[in-house]
Amino acid sequence: MNRIMPRARRSRFLAAALCLLHGFSWSCTFPTTTGPGAPGSRQVSSLPDFSLTTLTGDTVSSQDFDQKILVVNFWATWCTPCVYEIPHLNDLYRDFRSKGVEILGISMDSGDPEEVRRFIQRHRMRYPVVVGAGSMGDDFGGVRAIPTTFIVDQQGEIVKRYDGFRPSYMKDTRRTIEELLG
């Protein structure tokens, strides 16, 4: 039976198809002017100084990670590829935390903190999450897309940067952490 798809159903279908297509691009465009060539952007080779707040009101600063390997992940609740990355980051956190490796999620959402809290619970994010200011991406040399992930060694030097998400990034992240641990 050949029926014409009703307009509302067709709109939902097109929206879903666009979301899937966007998800396959593996990164979300960050809606600011960060990145190379943006005003104030620069190359950053070491962990910038920061002091950010968790959703429970605790303060997390860059000094908390002295002599530790740190994986910094910029993400947002509206970023589909960020959701794909969460289980991998949870695994890294579980496997390496006892060895001096920390994972820090930096939410770049500008909306309601309660929405971020619900997202963290719904996706069972096990690693610490802080709320980042819009300029936080600039402090890391310009974040052009999210997710963007940095690996920082025990001396505070940024040794890897991953723009967007690819499944291969997680294997490379694990390998890099193992190499840094010796």
C-alpha atoms as a PDB file:
ATOM      1  CA  MET A   1       0.000   0.000   0.000  1.00  0.00           C
ATOM      2  CA  ASN A   2       1.563   3.291  -1.082  1.00  0.00           C
ATOM      3  CA  ARG A   3       0.717   6.072   1.340  1.00  0.00           C
ATOM      4  CA  ILE A   4       2.164   9.531   1.529  1.00  0.00           C
ATOM      5  CA  MET A   5       3.942  10.178   4.815  1.00  0.00           C
ATOM      6  CA  PRO A   6       2.089  12.795   6.916  1.00  0.00           C
ATOM      7  CA  ARG A   7       3.922  16.124   7.247  1.00  0.00           C
ATOM      8  CA  ALA A   8       4.621  15.853  11.019  1.00  0.00           C
ATOM      9  CA  ARG A   9       5.951  12.316  10.638  1.00  0.00           C
ATOM     10  CA  ARG A  10       8.088  13.345   7.660  1.00  0.00           C
ATOM     11  CA  SER A  11       9.532  16.234   9.710  1.00  0.00           C
ATOM     12  CA  ARG A  12      10.433  13.885  12.567  1.00  0.00           C
ATOM     13  CA  PHE A  13      11.992  11.455  10.092  1.00  0.00           C
ATOM     14  CA  LEU A  14      14.085  14.224   8.508  1.00  0.00           C
ATOM     15  CA  ALA A  15      15.160  15.505  11.929  1.00  0.00           C
ATOM     16  CA  ALA A  16      16.216  12.000  12.972  1.00  0.00           C
ATOM     17  CA  ALA A  17      18.097  11.485   9.711  1.00  0.00           C
ATOM     18  CA  LEU A  18      19.940  14.784  10.172  1.00  0.00           C
ATOM     19  CA  CYS A  19      20.858  13.848  13.738  1.00  0.00           C
ATOM     20  CA  LEU A  20      22.259  10.524  12.546  1.00  0.00           C
ATOM     21  CA  LEU A  21      24.198  12.227   9.785  1.00  0.00           C
ATOM     22  CA  HIS A  22      25.524  14.729  12.303  1.00  0.00           C
ATOM     23  CA  GLY A  23      26.475  11.923  14.681  1.00  0.00           C
ATOM     24  CA  PHE A  24      28.530  10.264  11.973  1.00  0.00           C
ATOM     25  CA  SER A  25      30.564  13.420  11.591  1.00  0.00           C
ATOM     26  CA  TRP A  26      31.952  12.495  15.039  1.00  0.00           C
ATOM     27  CA  SER A  27      32.191  16.015  16.378  1.00  0.00           C
ATOM     28  CA  CYS A  28      29.981  18.952  17.141  1.00  0.00           C
ATOM     29  CA  THR A  29      30.891  22.453  16.134  1.00  0.00           C
ATOM     30  CA  PHE A  30      31.529  24.606  19.155  1.00  0.00           C
ATOM     31  CA  PRO A  31      29.435  27.773  18.884  1.00  0.00           C
ATOM     32  CA  THR A  32      32.137  30.300  19.756  1.00  0.00           C
ATOM     33  CA  THR A  33      35.145  31.866  18.110  1.00  0.00           C
ATOM     34  CA  THR A  34      37.725  29.552  19.640  1.00  0.00           C
ATOM     35  CA  GLY A  35      40.441  27.808  17.684  1.00  0.00           C
ATOM     36  CA  PRO A  36      43.537  28.763  15.732  1.00  0.00           C
ATOM     37  CA  GLY A  37      43.154  32.116  14.082  1.00  0.00           C
ATOM     38  CA  ALA A  38      40.390  33.177  16.468  1.00  0.00           C
ATOM     39  CA  PRO A  39      41.016  36.335  18.462  1.00  0.00           C
ATOM     40  CA  GLY A  40      43.305  35.530  21.392  1.00  0.00           C
ATOM     41  CA  SER A  41      44.072  31.944  20.319  1.00  0.00           C
ATOM     42  CA  ARG A  42      47.571  30.577  20.834  1.00  0.00           C
ATOM     43  CA  GLN A  43      49.501  27.325  21.004  1.00  0.00           C
ATOM     44  CA  VAL A  44      49.417  25.858  24.495  1.00  0.00           C
ATOM     45  CA  SER A  45      51.910  23.179  25.472  1.00  0.00           C
ATOM     46  CA  SER A  46      51.172  22.887  29.182  1.00  0.00           C
ATOM     47  CA  LEU A  47      48.131  22.633  31.411  1.00  0.00           C
ATOM     48  CA  PRO A  48      46.759  26.144  31.922  1.00  0.00           C
ATOM     49  CA  ASP A  49      45.967  27.395  35.405  1.00  0.00           C
ATOM     50  CA  PHE A  50      42.284  27.055  36.184  1.00  0.00           C
ATOM     51  CA  SER A  51      39.847  26.921  39.040  1.00  0.00           C
ATOM     52  CA  LEU A  52      36.421  25.527  38.190  1.00  0.00           C
ATOM     53  CA  THR A  53      33.360  24.456  40.134  1.00  0.00           C
ATOM     54  CA  THR A  54      31.688  21.055  40.201  1.00  0.00           C
ATOM     55  CA  LEU A  55      27.907  20.773  40.205  1.00  0.00           C
ATOM     56  CA  THR A  56      28.072  20.112  43.947  1.00  0.00           C
ATOM     57  CA  GLY A  57      29.891  23.407  44.518  1.00  0.00           C
ATOM     58  CA  ASP A  58      33.381  21.995  45.098  1.00  0.00           C
ATOM     59  CA  THR A  59      36.345  23.732  43.499  1.00  0.00           C
ATOM     60  CA  VAL A  60      38.750  21.871  41.222  1.00  0.00           C
ATOM     61  CA  SER A  61      41.976  23.562  40.213  1.00  0.00           C
ATOM     62  CA  SER A  62      44.861  22.696  37.938  1.00  0.00           C
ATOM     63  CA  GLN A  63      47.106  22.321  41.015  1.00  0.00           C
ATOM     64  CA  ASP A  64      44.981  19.336  42.103  1.00  0.00           C
ATOM     65  CA  PHE A  65      46.585  17.359  39.271  1.00  0.00           C
ATOM     66  CA  ASP A  66      50.263  18.003  40.011  1.00  0.00           C
ATOM     67  CA  GLN A  67      52.372  14.886  39.336  1.00  0.00           C
ATOM     68  CA  LYS A  68      49.374  13.071  37.808  1.00  0.00           C
ATOM     69  CA  ILE A  69      48.440  12.114  34.291  1.00  0.00           C
ATOM     70  CA  LEU A  70      45.296  14.046  33.407  1.00  0.00           C
ATOM     71  CA  VAL A  71      42.785  13.442  30.634  1.00  0.00           C
ATOM     72  CA  VAL A  72      40.757  16.620  30.080  1.00  0.00           C
ATOM     73  CA  ASN A  73      37.570  16.184  28.055  1.00  0.00           C
ATOM     74  CA  PHE A  74      35.541  19.162  26.792  1.00  0.00           C
ATOM     75  CA  TRP A  75      31.931  18.095  26.154  1.00  0.00           C
ATOM     76  CA  ALA A  76      28.299  19.275  26.165  1.00  0.00           C
ATOM     77  CA  THR A  77      24.895  17.715  26.718  1.00  0.00           C
ATOM     78  CA  TRP A  78      23.789  18.482  23.150  1.00  0.00           C
ATOM     79  CA  CYS A  79      26.822  16.742  21.585  1.00  0.00           C
ATOM     80  CA  THR A  80      25.968  13.275  20.243  1.00  0.00           C
ATOM     81  CA  PRO A  81      29.599  12.117  19.806  1.00  0.00           C
ATOM     82  CA  CYS A  82      30.253  13.101  23.439  1.00  0.00           C
ATOM     83  CA  VAL A  83      27.765  10.411  24.495  1.00  0.00           C
ATOM     84  CA  TYR A  84      29.740   7.785  22.527  1.00  0.00           C
ATOM     85  CA  GLU A  85      32.883   8.768  24.400  1.00  0.00           C
ATOM     86  CA  ILE A  86      31.517   8.460  27.958  1.00  0.00           C
ATOM     87  CA  PRO A  87      31.791   4.643  28.338  1.00  0.00           C
ATOM     88  CA  HIS A  88      35.410   4.766  27.154  1.00  0.00           C
ATOM     89  CA  LEU A  89      36.272   7.565  29.582  1.00  0.00           C
ATOM     90  CA  ASN A  90      34.542   5.652  32.391  1.00  0.00           C
ATOM     91  CA  ASP A  91      36.686   2.605  31.531  1.00  0.00           C
ATOM     92  CA  LEU A  92      39.883   4.687  31.582  1.00  0.00           C
ATOM     93  CA  TYR A  93      38.882   6.182  34.924  1.00  0.00           C
ATOM     94  CA  ARG A  94      38.181   2.747  36.404  1.00  0.00           C
ATOM     95  CA  ASP A  95      41.339   1.149  35.022  1.00  0.00           C
ATOM     96  CA  PHE A  96      43.888   3.874  35.741  1.00  0.00           C
ATOM     97  CA  ARG A  97      42.679   5.999  38.664  1.00  0.00           C
ATOM     98  CA  SER A  98      44.553   3.883  41.205  1.00  0.00           C
ATOM     99  CA  LYS A  99      47.738   4.481  39.179  1.00  0.00           C
ATOM    100  CA  GLY A 100      47.635   8.277  39.417  1.00  0.00           C
ATOM    101  CA  VAL A 101      45.574   9.014  36.308  1.00  0.00           C
ATOM    102  CA  GLU A 102      42.663  11.444  36.535  1.00  0.00           C
ATOM    103  CA  ILE A 103      39.851  12.171  34.089  1.00  0.00           C
ATOM    104  CA  LEU A 104      38.213  15.598  34.177  1.00  0.00           C
ATOM    105  CA  GLY A 105      35.108  16.362  32.154  1.00  0.00           C
ATOM    106  CA  ILE A 106      34.562  20.048  31.408  1.00  0.00           C
ATOM    107  CA  SER A 107      30.944  20.750  30.524  1.00  0.00           C
ATOM    108  CA  MET A 108      30.706  23.618  28.059  1.00  0.00           C
ATOM    109  CA  ASP A 109      26.934  23.933  28.447  1.00  0.00           C
ATOM    110  CA  SER A 110      25.716  27.447  29.049  1.00  0.00           C
ATOM    111  CA  GLY A 111      22.220  26.491  30.183  1.00  0.00           C
ATOM    112  CA  ASP A 112      20.655  25.114  33.311  1.00  0.00           C
ATOM    113  CA  PRO A 113      23.118  23.267  35.593  1.00  0.00           C
ATOM    114  CA  GLU A 114      20.280  20.904  36.514  1.00  0.00           C
ATOM    115  CA  GLU A 115      20.195  19.711  32.883  1.00  0.00           C
ATOM    116  CA  VAL A 116      23.909  18.910  33.103  1.00  0.00           C
ATOM    117  CA  ARG A 117      23.357  17.080  36.404  1.00  0.00           C
ATOM    118  CA  ARG A 118      20.579  14.949  34.869  1.00  0.00           C
ATOM    119  CA  PHE A 119      22.779  14.194  31.841  1.00  0.00           C
ATOM    120  CA  ILE A 120      25.635  13.041  34.103  1.00  0.00           C
ATOM    121  CA  GLN A 121      23.282  10.735  36.005  1.00  0.00           C
ATOM    122  CA  ARG A 122      21.527   9.414  32.894  1.00  0.00           C
ATOM    123  CA  HIS A 123      24.819   8.555  31.170  1.00  0.00           C
ATOM    124  CA  ARG A 124      26.475   7.341  34.384  1.00  0.00           C
ATOM    125  CA  MET A 125      29.550   9.530  34.120  1.00  0.00           C
ATOM    126  CA  ARG A 126      31.870   8.207  36.865  1.00  0.00           C
ATOM    127  CA  TYR A 127      34.684  10.746  36.567  1.00  0.00           C
ATOM    128  CA  PRO A 128      34.627  14.291  37.977  1.00  0.00           C
ATOM    129  CA  VAL A 129      32.842  16.956  35.947  1.00  0.00           C
ATOM    130  CA  VAL A 130      33.225  20.712  36.256  1.00  0.00           C
ATOM    131  CA  VAL A 131      31.401  23.555  34.569  1.00  0.00           C
ATOM    132  CA  GLY A 132      33.618  25.434  32.145  1.00  0.00           C
ATOM    133  CA  ALA A 133      33.339  29.074  31.215  1.00  0.00           C
ATOM    134  CA  GLY A 134      33.250  30.061  27.545  1.00  0.00           C
ATOM    135  CA  SER A 135      36.869  31.204  27.734  1.00  0.00           C
ATOM    136  CA  MET A 136      38.041  27.825  29.043  1.00  0.00           C
ATOM    137  CA  GLY A 137      38.518  26.515  25.506  1.00  0.00           C
ATOM    138  CA  ASP A 138      40.734  29.510  24.744  1.00  0.00           C
ATOM    139  CA  ASP A 139      42.850  28.748  27.821  1.00  0.00           C
ATOM    140  CA  PHE A 140      43.642  25.391  26.212  1.00  0.00           C
ATOM    141  CA  GLY A 141      44.717  27.083  22.976  1.00  0.00           C
ATOM    142  CA  GLY A 142      41.339  27.120  21.281  1.00  0.00           C
ATOM    143  CA  VAL A 143      38.755  24.374  21.263  1.00  0.00           C
ATOM    144  CA  ARG A 144      37.216  24.255  17.773  1.00  0.00           C
ATOM    145  CA  ALA A 145      34.842  21.329  18.248  1.00  0.00           C
ATOM    146  CA  ILE A 146      33.576  19.132  20.999  1.00  0.00           C
ATOM    147  CA  PRO A 147      34.391  16.699  22.214  1.00  0.00           C
ATOM    148  CA  THR A 148      37.990  17.770  22.431  1.00  0.00           C
ATOM    149  CA  THR A 149      40.298  15.783  24.685  1.00  0.00           C
ATOM    150  CA  PHE A 150      43.786  16.544  25.986  1.00  0.00           C
ATOM    151  CA  ILE A 151      46.262  14.208  27.671  1.00  0.00           C
ATOM    152  CA  VAL A 152      48.556  15.941  30.147  1.00  0.00           C
ATOM    153  CA  ASP A 153      51.635  14.173  31.533  1.00  0.00           C
ATOM    154  CA  GLN A 154      52.923  14.141  35.123  1.00  0.00           C
ATOM    155  CA  GLN A 155      54.966  17.311  34.485  1.00  0.00           C
ATOM    156  CA  GLY A 156      51.904  19.229  33.288  1.00  0.00           C
ATOM    157  CA  GLU A 157      52.798  19.097  29.587  1.00  0.00           C
ATOM    158  CA  ILE A 158      50.061  18.496  27.010  1.00  0.00           C
ATOM    159  CA  VAL A 159      51.223  15.429  25.084  1.00  0.00           C
ATOM    160  CA  LYS A 160      48.130  14.678  22.965  1.00  0.00           C
ATOM    161  CA  ARG A 161      45.080  16.488  21.664  1.00  0.00           C
ATOM    162  CA  TYR A 162      42.053  14.880  20.016  1.00  0.00           C
ATOM    163  CA  ASP A 163      39.543  17.090  18.207  1.00  0.00           C
ATOM    164  CA  GLY A 164      36.184  15.370  17.814  1.00  0.00           C
ATOM    165  CA  PHE A 165      35.679  11.687  18.516  1.00  0.00           C
ATOM    166  CA  ARG A 166      36.854   8.622  16.673  1.00  0.00           C
ATOM    167  CA  PRO A 167      36.786   5.121  18.185  1.00  0.00           C
ATOM    168  CA  SER A 168      40.523   4.887  17.476  1.00  0.00           C
ATOM    169  CA  TYR A 169      41.143   7.838  19.811  1.00  0.00           C
ATOM    170  CA  MET A 170      40.241   5.713  22.821  1.00  0.00           C
ATOM    171  CA  LYS A 171      42.790   3.022  21.916  1.00  0.00           C
ATOM    172  CA  ASP A 172      45.416   5.695  21.354  1.00  0.00           C
ATOM    173  CA  THR A 173      44.499   7.387  24.650  1.00  0.00           C
ATOM    174  CA  ARG A 174      44.906   4.108  26.534  1.00  0.00           C
ATOM    175  CA  ARG A 175      48.234   3.405  24.808  1.00  0.00           C
ATOM    176  CA  THR A 176      49.504   6.922  25.589  1.00  0.00           C
ATOM    177  CA  ILE A 177      48.535   6.594  29.264  1.00  0.00           C
ATOM    178  CA  GLU A 178      50.293   3.228  29.502  1.00  0.00           C
ATOM    179  CA  GLU A 179      53.431   4.719  27.921  1.00  0.00           C
ATOM    180  CA  LEU A 180      53.378   7.664  30.353  1.00  0.00           C
ATOM    181  CA  LEU A 181      53.009   5.285  33.292  1.00  0.00           C
ATOM    182  CA  GLY A 182      56.080   3.398  32.051  1.00  0.00           C
END
